[in-house]
Amino acid sequence: MEKETRLLELANFLKSKRAKLHPQMVDLPAGNRRRTPGLRR
């Protein structure tokens, strides 16, 4: 159970960091779409 809790905490941490990151912050062009069309995850 502890492993699942740690994984959930890590996932939440990474999601919050990604949500605060914008393309302009890393010298990428701004745009509405963040995913490439047709690219599957």
N, C-alpha and C. Protein backbone atom coordinates (compact mmCIF):
# COMPACT_ATOMS: atom_id res chain seq x y z
N MET A 1 0.82 -1.19 0.00
CA MET A 1 0.00 0.00 0.00
C MET A 1 0.87 1.25 0.00
N GLU A 2 1.98 1.21 0.69
CA GLU A 2 2.85 2.39 0.76
C GLU A 2 3.39 2.73 -0.62
N LYS A 3 3.70 1.72 -1.43
CA LYS A 3 4.22 1.95 -2.76
C LYS A 3 3.17 2.67 -3.62
N GLU A 4 1.91 2.24 -3.53
CA GLU A 4 0.84 2.89 -4.28
C GLU A 4 0.66 4.34 -3.86
N THR A 5 0.77 4.60 -2.59
CA THR A 5 0.64 5.96 -2.08
C THR A 5 1.76 6.84 -2.61
N ARG A 6 2.98 6.31 -2.59
CA ARG A 6 4.13 7.07 -3.09
C ARG A 6 4.00 7.35 -4.58
N LEU A 7 3.51 6.36 -5.34
CA LEU A 7 3.32 6.56 -6.78
C LEU A 7 2.25 7.61 -7.06
N LEU A 8 1.19 7.61 -6.29
CA LEU A 8 0.14 8.62 -6.44
C LEU A 8 0.67 10.01 -6.12
N GLU A 9 1.46 10.11 -5.07
CA GLU A 9 2.04 11.40 -4.70
C GLU A 9 2.99 11.90 -5.79
N LEU A 10 3.79 11.00 -6.35
CA LEU A 10 4.69 11.37 -7.42
C LEU A 10 3.91 11.81 -8.65
N ALA A 11 2.87 11.07 -9.00
CA ALA A 11 2.05 11.43 -10.15
C ALA A 11 1.43 12.81 -9.97
N ASN A 12 0.91 13.08 -8.81
CA ASN A 12 0.30 14.39 -8.55
C ASN A 12 1.34 15.51 -8.61
N PHE A 13 2.52 15.25 -8.09
CA PHE A 13 3.59 16.24 -8.14
C PHE A 13 3.97 16.56 -9.58
N LEU A 14 4.19 15.51 -10.38
CA LEU A 14 4.58 15.72 -11.77
C LEU A 14 3.49 16.42 -12.58
N LYS A 15 2.24 16.07 -12.35
CA LYS A 15 1.13 16.72 -13.05
C LYS A 15 1.07 18.20 -12.71
N SER A 16 1.29 18.54 -11.45
CA SER A 16 1.22 19.95 -11.05
C SER A 16 2.38 20.74 -11.66
N LYS A 17 3.55 20.13 -11.72
CA LYS A 17 4.71 20.81 -12.33
C LYS A 17 4.50 21.01 -13.82
N ARG A 18 3.98 19.99 -14.51
CA ARG A 18 3.73 20.10 -15.95
C ARG A 18 2.67 21.15 -16.25
N ALA A 19 1.67 21.25 -15.40
CA ALA A 19 0.60 22.21 -15.62
C ALA A 19 1.11 23.65 -15.53
N LYS A 20 2.15 23.88 -14.75
CA LYS A 20 2.72 25.22 -14.59
C LYS A 20 3.72 25.57 -15.68
N LEU A 21 4.13 24.60 -16.46
CA LEU A 21 5.14 24.80 -17.49
C LEU A 21 4.48 25.22 -18.80
N HIS A 22 5.01 26.25 -19.43
CA HIS A 22 4.49 26.75 -20.69
C HIS A 22 5.59 26.67 -21.75
N PRO A 23 5.21 26.46 -23.01
CA PRO A 23 6.20 26.32 -24.07
C PRO A 23 7.18 27.50 -24.15
N GLN A 24 6.71 28.71 -23.89
CA GLN A 24 7.58 29.89 -23.97
C GLN A 24 8.70 29.83 -22.94
N MET A 25 8.49 29.13 -21.86
CA MET A 25 9.49 29.03 -20.80
C MET A 25 10.72 28.24 -21.25
N VAL A 26 10.55 27.40 -22.26
CA VAL A 26 11.66 26.59 -22.75
C VAL A 26 11.96 26.89 -24.22
N ASP A 27 11.69 28.13 -24.60
CA ASP A 27 11.99 28.64 -25.95
C ASP A 27 11.29 27.86 -27.07
N LEU A 28 10.07 27.43 -26.83
CA LEU A 28 9.26 26.81 -27.87
C LEU A 28 8.17 27.78 -28.30
N PRO A 29 7.70 27.68 -29.54
CA PRO A 29 6.66 28.60 -29.99
C PRO A 29 5.35 28.36 -29.24
N ALA A 30 4.63 29.45 -29.00
CA ALA A 30 3.34 29.35 -28.31
C ALA A 30 2.30 28.79 -29.28
N GLY A 31 1.34 28.10 -28.76
CA GLY A 31 0.27 27.55 -29.58
C GLY A 31 -0.82 27.01 -28.71
N ASN A 32 -1.95 26.75 -29.32
CA ASN A 32 -3.09 26.22 -28.56
C ASN A 32 -2.97 24.73 -28.32
N ARG A 33 -2.43 24.01 -29.31
CA ARG A 33 -2.31 22.55 -29.18
C ARG A 33 -0.98 22.19 -28.56
N ARG A 34 -1.01 21.27 -27.63
CA ARG A 34 0.22 20.83 -27.00
C ARG A 34 0.62 19.43 -27.47
N ARG A 35 -0.27 18.77 -28.20
CA ARG A 35 0.02 17.42 -28.68
C ARG A 35 0.07 17.42 -30.20
N THR A 36 0.82 16.51 -30.73
CA THR A 36 0.91 16.35 -32.16
C THR A 36 -0.28 15.53 -32.64
N PRO A 37 -1.01 16.03 -33.66
CA PRO A 37 -2.15 15.26 -34.17
C PRO A 37 -1.71 13.88 -34.66
N GLY A 38 -2.47 12.86 -34.33
CA GLY A 38 -2.17 11.51 -34.79
C GLY A 38 -1.16 10.77 -33.94
N LEU A 39 -0.55 11.42 -32.98
CA LEU A 39 0.43 10.76 -32.14
C LEU A 39 -0.26 10.10 -30.96
N ARG A 40 -0.06 8.82 -30.82
CA ARG A 40 -0.70 8.09 -29.71
C ARG A 40 0.24 8.01 -28.53
N ARG A 41 -0.33 7.96 -27.37
CA ARG A 41 0.46 7.85 -26.16
C ARG A 41 0.53 6.42 -25.74
